[in-house]
Amino acid sequence: MNKSYQNIVILTGAGISAESGLATFRGANGLWNNYNVQDVASVEGFARNPTLVHQFYNELRPEILKAKPNAAHLAITKLQKEYAANVSIITQNVDTLHEQAGNENVYHIHGQFDQYVCLNCGHIFHNLNDITPQTPCPYCLVKGRLKPNIVFFGENLLYMDKVETLLETCDLFLSIGTSGTVFPAANFVQIAKKNKAETYEFTLEETSNNFFFDHHIYGKAGETFPDFVLELLKRT
């Protein structure tokens, strides 16, 4: 943190949401433990049993809605409002804690839990109600073609053209609460570093790709990241 930055990219993973009460993707108390991931989060699983998939997301939705933004999310808002740089967020999380905290320029590469897409007409719409295979699309009224706007195994991540541009032009890359084991997000730090960005990771413990980071800050992001933002703002 010895210079001013113009383009900051923040990558967030399950760890930042876990501090808001959401279990990590495959943790000991994970939300997925009662389901086979391939049954509820794959193209094949959805084609085979859409009723089960809708049931899973109907159960998941109220659990996610209970969570509230934590200090790390709020620190991002402070950074965006008070630091004179473009600050963008690439998140692997399907919750909307970033938006609830007032974060802007958020790119959900794995989709959002509160959205559905109609496979018939292509419309994406906000939804917090239970969905079944009999639910008609609010736009084309066709039944049986609604899918959670979640990136399933076998589908391409969202916003990848924008993500590539952000990584190639950022001069500060911050990774918060991600293990570095899920690809392609695990490669994002390498792309940023190749383009001369300074790189930080904020995690509970050492990650598998920690050698790509210039700096490592261990501990709960809700405690470490706000301090980092305050220090960064002091240097402006």
C-alpha atoms as a PDB file:
ATOM      1  CA  MET A   1       0.000   0.000   0.000  1.00  0.00           C
ATOM      2  CA  ASN A   2       2.701   2.420  -1.013  1.00  0.00           C
ATOM      3  CA  LYS A   3       0.882   4.080  -3.890  1.00  0.00           C
ATOM      4  CA  SER A   4      -2.489   5.311  -5.050  1.00  0.00           C
ATOM      5  CA  TYR A   5      -4.637   2.919  -7.038  1.00  0.00           C
ATOM      6  CA  GLN A   6      -6.928   3.664  -9.947  1.00  0.00           C
ATOM      7  CA  ASN A   7      -8.720   0.366 -10.541  1.00  0.00           C
ATOM      8  CA  ILE A   8      -9.427  -1.978  -7.648  1.00  0.00           C
ATOM      9  CA  VAL A   9     -10.938  -5.430  -8.117  1.00  0.00           C
ATOM     10  CA  ILE A  10     -12.315  -7.382  -5.161  1.00  0.00           C
ATOM     11  CA  LEU A  11     -12.960 -11.111  -5.508  1.00  0.00           C
ATOM     12  CA  THR A  12     -15.220 -12.566  -2.824  1.00  0.00           C
ATOM     13  CA  GLY A  13     -16.041 -16.156  -1.944  1.00  0.00           C
ATOM     14  CA  ALA A  14     -18.022 -18.204   0.527  1.00  0.00           C
ATOM     15  CA  GLY A  15     -15.882 -17.090   3.473  1.00  0.00           C
ATOM     16  CA  ILE A  16     -17.235 -13.536   3.512  1.00  0.00           C
ATOM     17  CA  SER A  17     -20.823 -14.828   3.509  1.00  0.00           C
ATOM     18  CA  ALA A  18     -20.048 -17.388   6.208  1.00  0.00           C
ATOM     19  CA  GLU A  19     -19.324 -14.514   8.584  1.00  0.00           C
ATOM     20  CA  SER A  20     -22.912 -13.376   8.000  1.00  0.00           C
ATOM     21  CA  GLY A  21     -24.230 -16.755   9.097  1.00  0.00           C
ATOM     22  CA  LEU A  22     -24.302 -18.570   5.774  1.00  0.00           C
ATOM     23  CA  ALA A  23     -22.509 -21.892   5.817  1.00  0.00           C
ATOM     24  CA  THR A  24     -19.749 -22.371   3.286  1.00  0.00           C
ATOM     25  CA  PHE A  25     -20.472 -24.333   0.117  1.00  0.00           C
ATOM     26  CA  ARG A  26     -19.278 -27.713   1.359  1.00  0.00           C
ATOM     27  CA  GLY A  27     -18.478 -27.006   5.011  1.00  0.00           C
ATOM     28  CA  ALA A  28     -19.329 -29.281   7.932  1.00  0.00           C
ATOM     29  CA  ASN A  29     -22.638 -27.473   8.358  1.00  0.00           C
ATOM     30  CA  GLY A  30     -23.042 -26.728   4.670  1.00  0.00           C
ATOM     31  CA  LEU A  31     -26.373 -25.924   3.101  1.00  0.00           C
ATOM     32  CA  TRP A  32     -25.804 -28.744   0.610  1.00  0.00           C
ATOM     33  CA  ASN A  33     -25.422 -31.597   3.064  1.00  0.00           C
ATOM     34  CA  ASN A  34     -28.961 -32.931   2.610  1.00  0.00           C
ATOM     35  CA  TYR A  35     -28.681 -33.002  -1.173  1.00  0.00           C
ATOM     36  CA  ASN A  36     -26.406 -34.438  -3.816  1.00  0.00           C
ATOM     37  CA  VAL A  37     -24.806 -31.426  -5.494  1.00  0.00           C
ATOM     38  CA  GLN A  38     -25.047 -33.048  -8.924  1.00  0.00           C
ATOM     39  CA  ASP A  39     -28.800 -33.508  -8.427  1.00  0.00           C
ATOM     40  CA  VAL A  40     -29.550 -29.861  -7.638  1.00  0.00           C
ATOM     41  CA  ALA A  41     -26.777 -27.875  -9.314  1.00  0.00           C
ATOM     42  CA  SER A  42     -26.072 -29.504 -12.659  1.00  0.00           C
ATOM     43  CA  VAL A  43     -27.605 -29.278 -16.112  1.00  0.00           C
ATOM     44  CA  GLU A  44     -28.240 -33.013 -16.065  1.00  0.00           C
ATOM     45  CA  GLY A  45     -29.824 -32.942 -12.610  1.00  0.00           C
ATOM     46  CA  PHE A  46     -32.219 -30.180 -13.616  1.00  0.00           C
ATOM     47  CA  ALA A  47     -33.222 -32.019 -16.783  1.00  0.00           C
ATOM     48  CA  ARG A  48     -33.719 -35.241 -14.832  1.00  0.00           C
ATOM     49  CA  ASN A  49     -35.701 -33.889 -11.870  1.00  0.00           C
ATOM     50  CA  PRO A  50     -36.684 -30.204 -12.018  1.00  0.00           C
ATOM     51  CA  THR A  51     -39.088 -30.705  -9.095  1.00  0.00           C
ATOM     52  CA  LEU A  52     -36.201 -31.616  -6.794  1.00  0.00           C
ATOM     53  CA  VAL A  53     -34.135 -28.666  -7.997  1.00  0.00           C
ATOM     54  CA  HIS A  54     -36.969 -26.215  -7.378  1.00  0.00           C
ATOM     55  CA  GLN A  55     -37.549 -27.766  -3.950  1.00  0.00           C
ATOM     56  CA  PHE A  56     -33.911 -27.238  -3.029  1.00  0.00           C
ATOM     57  CA  TYR A  57     -33.877 -23.565  -4.010  1.00  0.00           C
ATOM     58  CA  ASN A  58     -37.253 -22.982  -2.371  1.00  0.00           C
ATOM     59  CA  GLU A  59     -35.690 -24.258   0.873  1.00  0.00           C
ATOM     60  CA  LEU A  60     -32.442 -22.367   0.338  1.00  0.00           C
ATOM     61  CA  ARG A  61     -34.059 -18.988  -0.299  1.00  0.00           C
ATOM     62  CA  PRO A  62     -35.385 -18.259   3.228  1.00  0.00           C
ATOM     63  CA  GLU A  63     -32.075 -19.368   4.748  1.00  0.00           C
ATOM     64  CA  ILE A  64     -30.182 -16.871   2.615  1.00  0.00           C
ATOM     65  CA  LEU A  65     -32.701 -14.128   3.378  1.00  0.00           C
ATOM     66  CA  LYS A  66     -31.937 -14.447   7.091  1.00  0.00           C
ATOM     67  CA  ALA A  67     -28.346 -13.314   6.571  1.00  0.00           C
ATOM     68  CA  LYS A  68     -27.284  -9.691   6.924  1.00  0.00           C
ATOM     69  CA  PRO A  69     -24.177  -7.924   5.630  1.00  0.00           C
ATOM     70  CA  ASN A  70     -21.181  -7.970   7.951  1.00  0.00           C
ATOM     71  CA  ALA A  71     -18.388  -5.481   8.582  1.00  0.00           C
ATOM     72  CA  ALA A  72     -16.416  -6.642   5.550  1.00  0.00           C
ATOM     73  CA  HIS A  73     -19.312  -5.898   3.196  1.00  0.00           C
ATOM     74  CA  LEU A  74     -19.782  -2.491   4.795  1.00  0.00           C
ATOM     75  CA  ALA A  75     -16.065  -1.751   4.492  1.00  0.00           C
ATOM     76  CA  ILE A  76     -16.350  -2.308   0.739  1.00  0.00           C
ATOM     77  CA  THR A  77     -19.094   0.330   0.635  1.00  0.00           C
ATOM     78  CA  LYS A  78     -16.835   2.720   2.540  1.00  0.00           C
ATOM     79  CA  LEU A  79     -14.002   2.049   0.105  1.00  0.00           C
ATOM     80  CA  GLN A  80     -16.238   2.672  -2.901  1.00  0.00           C
ATOM     81  CA  LYS A  81     -17.586   5.918  -1.466  1.00  0.00           C
ATOM     82  CA  GLU A  82     -14.401   7.413  -0.045  1.00  0.00           C
ATOM     83  CA  TYR A  83     -11.501   6.175  -2.156  1.00  0.00           C
ATOM     84  CA  ALA A  84     -10.898   7.867  -5.508  1.00  0.00           C
ATOM     85  CA  ALA A  85     -10.725   4.745  -7.652  1.00  0.00           C
ATOM     86  CA  ASN A  86     -12.930   2.448  -9.672  1.00  0.00           C
ATOM     87  CA  VAL A  87     -13.840  -0.391  -7.292  1.00  0.00           C
ATOM     88  CA  SER A  88     -15.481  -3.474  -8.781  1.00  0.00           C
ATOM     89  CA  ILE A  89     -16.593  -6.696  -7.096  1.00  0.00           C
ATOM     90  CA  ILE A  90     -16.446 -10.141  -8.648  1.00  0.00           C
ATOM     91  CA  THR A  91     -18.335 -12.501  -6.386  1.00  0.00           C
ATOM     92  CA  GLN A  92     -18.697 -16.265  -6.439  1.00  0.00           C
ATOM     93  CA  ASN A  93     -21.583 -15.974  -3.974  1.00  0.00           C
ATOM     94  CA  VAL A  94     -25.216 -16.248  -5.039  1.00  0.00           C
ATOM     95  CA  ASP A  95     -26.500 -14.236  -2.063  1.00  0.00           C
ATOM     96  CA  THR A  96     -27.093 -10.482  -2.321  1.00  0.00           C
ATOM     97  CA  LEU A  97     -25.225  -9.372   0.803  1.00  0.00           C
ATOM     98  CA  HIS A  98     -23.062  -7.062  -1.304  1.00  0.00           C
ATOM     99  CA  GLU A  99     -26.103  -5.261  -2.629  1.00  0.00           C
ATOM    100  CA  GLN A 100     -27.719  -5.116   0.811  1.00  0.00           C
ATOM    101  CA  ALA A 101     -24.573  -3.430   2.123  1.00  0.00           C
ATOM    102  CA  GLY A 102     -24.743  -0.811  -0.616  1.00  0.00           C
ATOM    103  CA  ASN A 103     -21.924  -2.226  -2.720  1.00  0.00           C
ATOM    104  CA  GLU A 104     -21.983  -1.205  -6.385  1.00  0.00           C
ATOM    105  CA  ASN A 105     -20.432  -2.669  -9.548  1.00  0.00           C
ATOM    106  CA  VAL A 106     -21.111  -6.233  -8.368  1.00  0.00           C
ATOM    107  CA  TYR A 107     -20.713  -9.089 -10.845  1.00  0.00           C
ATOM    108  CA  HIS A 108     -22.267 -12.394  -9.749  1.00  0.00           C
ATOM    109  CA  ILE A 109     -20.349 -14.895 -11.850  1.00  0.00           C
ATOM    110  CA  HIS A 110     -22.309 -17.823 -10.373  1.00  0.00           C
ATOM    111  CA  GLY A 111     -25.706 -16.119 -10.584  1.00  0.00           C
ATOM    112  CA  GLN A 112     -28.129 -14.937  -7.892  1.00  0.00           C
ATOM    113  CA  PHE A 113     -30.508 -16.842  -5.642  1.00  0.00           C
ATOM    114  CA  ASP A 114     -33.254 -14.231  -6.070  1.00  0.00           C
ATOM    115  CA  GLN A 115     -33.446 -14.465  -9.855  1.00  0.00           C
ATOM    116  CA  TYR A 116     -34.996 -16.906 -12.312  1.00  0.00           C
ATOM    117  CA  VAL A 117     -34.510 -17.230 -16.048  1.00  0.00           C
ATOM    118  CA  CYS A 118     -37.114 -18.466 -18.512  1.00  0.00           C
ATOM    119  CA  LEU A 119     -35.564 -21.003 -20.864  1.00  0.00           C
ATOM    120  CA  ASN A 120     -38.363 -20.334 -23.341  1.00  0.00           C
ATOM    121  CA  CYS A 121     -38.232 -16.548 -23.773  1.00  0.00           C
ATOM    122  CA  GLY A 122     -34.918 -15.713 -22.083  1.00  0.00           C
ATOM    123  CA  HIS A 123     -36.274 -13.186 -19.583  1.00  0.00           C
ATOM    124  CA  ILE A 124     -34.476 -12.933 -16.227  1.00  0.00           C
ATOM    125  CA  PHE A 125     -36.619 -11.720 -13.355  1.00  0.00           C
ATOM    126  CA  HIS A 126     -36.461 -11.144  -9.605  1.00  0.00           C
ATOM    127  CA  ASN A 127     -38.287 -13.743  -7.531  1.00  0.00           C
ATOM    128  CA  LEU A 128     -38.615 -14.562  -3.821  1.00  0.00           C
ATOM    129  CA  ASN A 129     -41.616 -16.883  -4.114  1.00  0.00           C
ATOM    130  CA  ASP A 130     -41.667 -20.670  -4.340  1.00  0.00           C
ATOM    131  CA  ILE A 131     -41.348 -22.015  -7.858  1.00  0.00           C
ATOM    132  CA  THR A 132     -42.507 -25.380  -9.216  1.00  0.00           C
ATOM    133  CA  PRO A 133     -42.439 -26.912 -12.709  1.00  0.00           C
ATOM    134  CA  GLN A 134     -46.054 -25.727 -13.042  1.00  0.00           C
ATOM    135  CA  THR A 135     -45.223 -22.055 -12.417  1.00  0.00           C
ATOM    136  CA  PRO A 136     -45.722 -20.010 -15.603  1.00  0.00           C
ATOM    137  CA  CYS A 137     -43.188 -17.472 -16.800  1.00  0.00           C
ATOM    138  CA  PRO A 138     -44.506 -13.981 -15.954  1.00  0.00           C
ATOM    139  CA  TYR A 139     -43.508 -12.819 -19.442  1.00  0.00           C
ATOM    140  CA  CYS A 140     -44.383 -15.559 -21.949  1.00  0.00           C
ATOM    141  CA  LEU A 141     -46.737 -17.519 -19.611  1.00  0.00           C
ATOM    142  CA  VAL A 142     -45.208 -20.844 -20.654  1.00  0.00           C
ATOM    143  CA  LYS A 143     -45.043 -23.408 -17.818  1.00  0.00           C
ATOM    144  CA  GLY A 144     -42.180 -25.741 -17.005  1.00  0.00           C
ATOM    145  CA  ARG A 145     -39.369 -23.590 -18.395  1.00  0.00           C
ATOM    146  CA  LEU A 146     -38.243 -21.617 -15.351  1.00  0.00           C
ATOM    147  CA  LYS A 147     -34.742 -22.222 -14.006  1.00  0.00           C
ATOM    148  CA  PRO A 148     -32.960 -20.643 -11.035  1.00  0.00           C
ATOM    149  CA  ASN A 149     -30.542 -18.048 -12.424  1.00  0.00           C
ATOM    150  CA  ILE A 150     -27.688 -20.012 -10.879  1.00  0.00           C
ATOM    151  CA  VAL A 151     -24.753 -21.262 -12.909  1.00  0.00           C
ATOM    152  CA  PHE A 152     -25.043 -25.043 -12.832  1.00  0.00           C
ATOM    153  CA  PHE A 153     -22.191 -27.449 -13.424  1.00  0.00           C
ATOM    154  CA  GLY A 154     -21.979 -27.701 -17.197  1.00  0.00           C
ATOM    155  CA  GLU A 155     -22.822 -24.010 -17.776  1.00  0.00           C
ATOM    156  CA  ASN A 156     -20.564 -21.047 -18.471  1.00  0.00           C
ATOM    157  CA  LEU A 157     -19.903 -18.463 -15.777  1.00  0.00           C
ATOM    158  CA  LEU A 158     -21.557 -15.081 -16.163  1.00  0.00           C
ATOM    159  CA  TYR A 159     -19.925 -11.729 -17.041  1.00  0.00           C
ATOM    160  CA  MET A 160     -16.627 -13.333 -18.031  1.00  0.00           C
ATOM    161  CA  ASP A 161     -15.825 -10.780 -20.742  1.00  0.00           C
ATOM    162  CA  LYS A 162     -16.244  -7.997 -18.196  1.00  0.00           C
ATOM    163  CA  VAL A 163     -14.269  -9.945 -15.584  1.00  0.00           C
ATOM    164  CA  GLU A 164     -11.367 -10.396 -17.998  1.00  0.00           C
ATOM    165  CA  THR A 165     -11.273  -6.667 -18.702  1.00  0.00           C
ATOM    166  CA  LEU A 166     -11.370  -5.830 -14.987  1.00  0.00           C
ATOM    167  CA  LEU A 167      -8.524  -8.220 -14.187  1.00  0.00           C
ATOM    168  CA  GLU A 168      -6.366  -6.973 -17.036  1.00  0.00           C
ATOM    169  CA  THR A 169      -6.745  -3.326 -16.035  1.00  0.00           C
ATOM    170  CA  CYS A 170      -6.726  -3.438 -12.225  1.00  0.00           C
ATOM    171  CA  ASP A 171      -3.734  -2.239 -10.235  1.00  0.00           C
ATOM    172  CA  LEU A 172      -4.958  -3.652  -6.905  1.00  0.00           C
ATOM    173  CA  PHE A 173      -6.512  -7.101  -6.549  1.00  0.00           C
ATOM    174  CA  LEU A 174      -8.103  -8.109  -3.246  1.00  0.00           C
ATOM    175  CA  SER A 175      -9.337 -11.637  -2.564  1.00  0.00           C
ATOM    176  CA  ILE A 176     -11.681 -12.028   0.414  1.00  0.00           C
ATOM    177  CA  GLY A 177     -12.920 -15.314   1.814  1.00  0.00           C
ATOM    178  CA  THR A 178     -12.080 -17.610  -1.059  1.00  0.00           C
ATOM    179  CA  SER A 179     -10.003 -20.769  -0.848  1.00  0.00           C
ATOM    180  CA  GLY A 180      -8.410 -20.535  -4.267  1.00  0.00           C
ATOM    181  CA  THR A 181      -9.436 -24.070  -5.191  1.00  0.00           C
ATOM    182  CA  VAL A 182     -12.419 -23.412  -7.474  1.00  0.00           C
ATOM    183  CA  PHE A 183     -11.566 -22.626 -11.080  1.00  0.00           C
ATOM    184  CA  PRO A 184     -11.551 -20.416 -13.018  1.00  0.00           C
ATOM    185  CA  ALA A 185     -11.796 -17.952 -10.111  1.00  0.00           C
ATOM    186  CA  ALA A 186      -8.626 -19.439  -8.633  1.00  0.00           C
ATOM    187  CA  ASN A 187      -6.767 -18.118 -11.678  1.00  0.00           C
ATOM    188  CA  PHE A 188      -7.993 -14.540 -11.330  1.00  0.00           C
ATOM    189  CA  VAL A 189      -5.093 -13.513  -9.092  1.00  0.00           C
ATOM    190  CA  GLN A 190      -2.621 -14.834 -11.674  1.00  0.00           C
ATOM    191  CA  ILE A 191      -4.212 -12.737 -14.407  1.00  0.00           C
ATOM    192  CA  ALA A 192      -4.163  -9.630 -12.216  1.00  0.00           C
ATOM    193  CA  LYS A 193      -0.569 -10.234 -11.144  1.00  0.00           C
ATOM    194  CA  LYS A 194       0.540 -10.827 -14.732  1.00  0.00           C
ATOM    195  CA  ASN A 195      -0.795  -7.352 -15.480  1.00  0.00           C
ATOM    196  CA  LYS A 196       1.257  -5.812 -12.641  1.00  0.00           C
ATOM    197  CA  ALA A 197      -1.490  -5.507 -10.015  1.00  0.00           C
ATOM    198  CA  GLU A 198      -0.583  -5.602  -6.338  1.00  0.00           C
ATOM    199  CA  THR A 199      -2.350  -8.561  -4.748  1.00  0.00           C
ATOM    200  CA  TYR A 200      -3.752  -9.226  -1.274  1.00  0.00           C
ATOM    201  CA  GLU A 201      -5.638 -12.174   0.169  1.00  0.00           C
ATOM    202  CA  PHE A 202      -7.849 -12.016   3.254  1.00  0.00           C
ATOM    203  CA  THR A 203      -8.518 -15.533   4.546  1.00  0.00           C
ATOM    204  CA  LEU A 204      -8.749 -17.494   7.765  1.00  0.00           C
ATOM    205  CA  GLU A 205      -5.712 -19.566   6.837  1.00  0.00           C
ATOM    206  CA  GLU A 206      -3.170 -20.156   4.100  1.00  0.00           C
ATOM    207  CA  THR A 207      -4.684 -21.079   0.720  1.00  0.00           C
ATOM    208  CA  SER A 208      -3.459 -23.399  -1.987  1.00  0.00           C
ATOM    209  CA  ASN A 209      -2.486 -20.557  -4.347  1.00  0.00           C
ATOM    210  CA  ASN A 210      -1.141 -18.183  -1.713  1.00  0.00           C
ATOM    211  CA  PHE A 211       2.195 -17.846  -3.531  1.00  0.00           C
ATOM    212  CA  PHE A 212       0.479 -15.692  -6.174  1.00  0.00           C
ATOM    213  CA  PHE A 213      -0.352 -13.062  -3.574  1.00  0.00           C
ATOM    214  CA  ASP A 214       2.022 -10.298  -2.532  1.00  0.00           C
ATOM    215  CA  HIS A 215       0.390  -9.946   0.873  1.00  0.00           C
ATOM    216  CA  HIS A 216      -1.513 -12.304   3.195  1.00  0.00           C
ATOM    217  CA  ILE A 217      -3.825 -11.088   5.932  1.00  0.00           C
ATOM    218  CA  TYR A 218      -5.204 -13.917   8.047  1.00  0.00           C
ATOM    219  CA  GLY A 219      -8.258 -13.747  10.289  1.00  0.00           C
ATOM    220  CA  LYS A 220     -11.951 -12.978   9.962  1.00  0.00           C
ATOM    221  CA  ALA A 221     -12.559 -10.602   7.083  1.00  0.00           C
ATOM    222  CA  GLY A 222     -15.069  -8.681   9.200  1.00  0.00           C
ATOM    223  CA  GLU A 223     -12.171  -7.761  11.468  1.00  0.00           C
ATOM    224  CA  THR A 224      -9.207  -7.476   9.094  1.00  0.00           C
ATOM    225  CA  PHE A 225     -10.706  -5.879   5.991  1.00  0.00           C
ATOM    226  CA  PRO A 226     -12.212  -2.778   7.679  1.00  0.00           C
ATOM    227  CA  ASP A 227      -8.779  -2.039   9.165  1.00  0.00           C
ATOM    228  CA  PHE A 228      -7.209  -2.437   5.731  1.00  0.00           C
ATOM    229  CA  VAL A 229      -9.691   0.018   4.216  1.00  0.00           C
ATOM    230  CA  LEU A 230      -9.039   2.569   6.952  1.00  0.00           C
ATOM    231  CA  GLU A 231      -5.303   2.306   6.369  1.00  0.00           C
ATOM    232  CA  LEU A 232      -5.790   2.675   2.625  1.00  0.00           C
ATOM    233  CA  LEU A 233      -7.915   5.780   3.105  1.00  0.00           C
ATOM    234  CA  LYS A 234      -5.274   7.324   5.371  1.00  0.00           C
ATOM    235  CA  ARG A 235      -2.802   7.162   2.512  1.00  0.00           C
ATOM    236  CA  THR A 236      -4.932   9.141   0.082  1.00  0.00           C
END
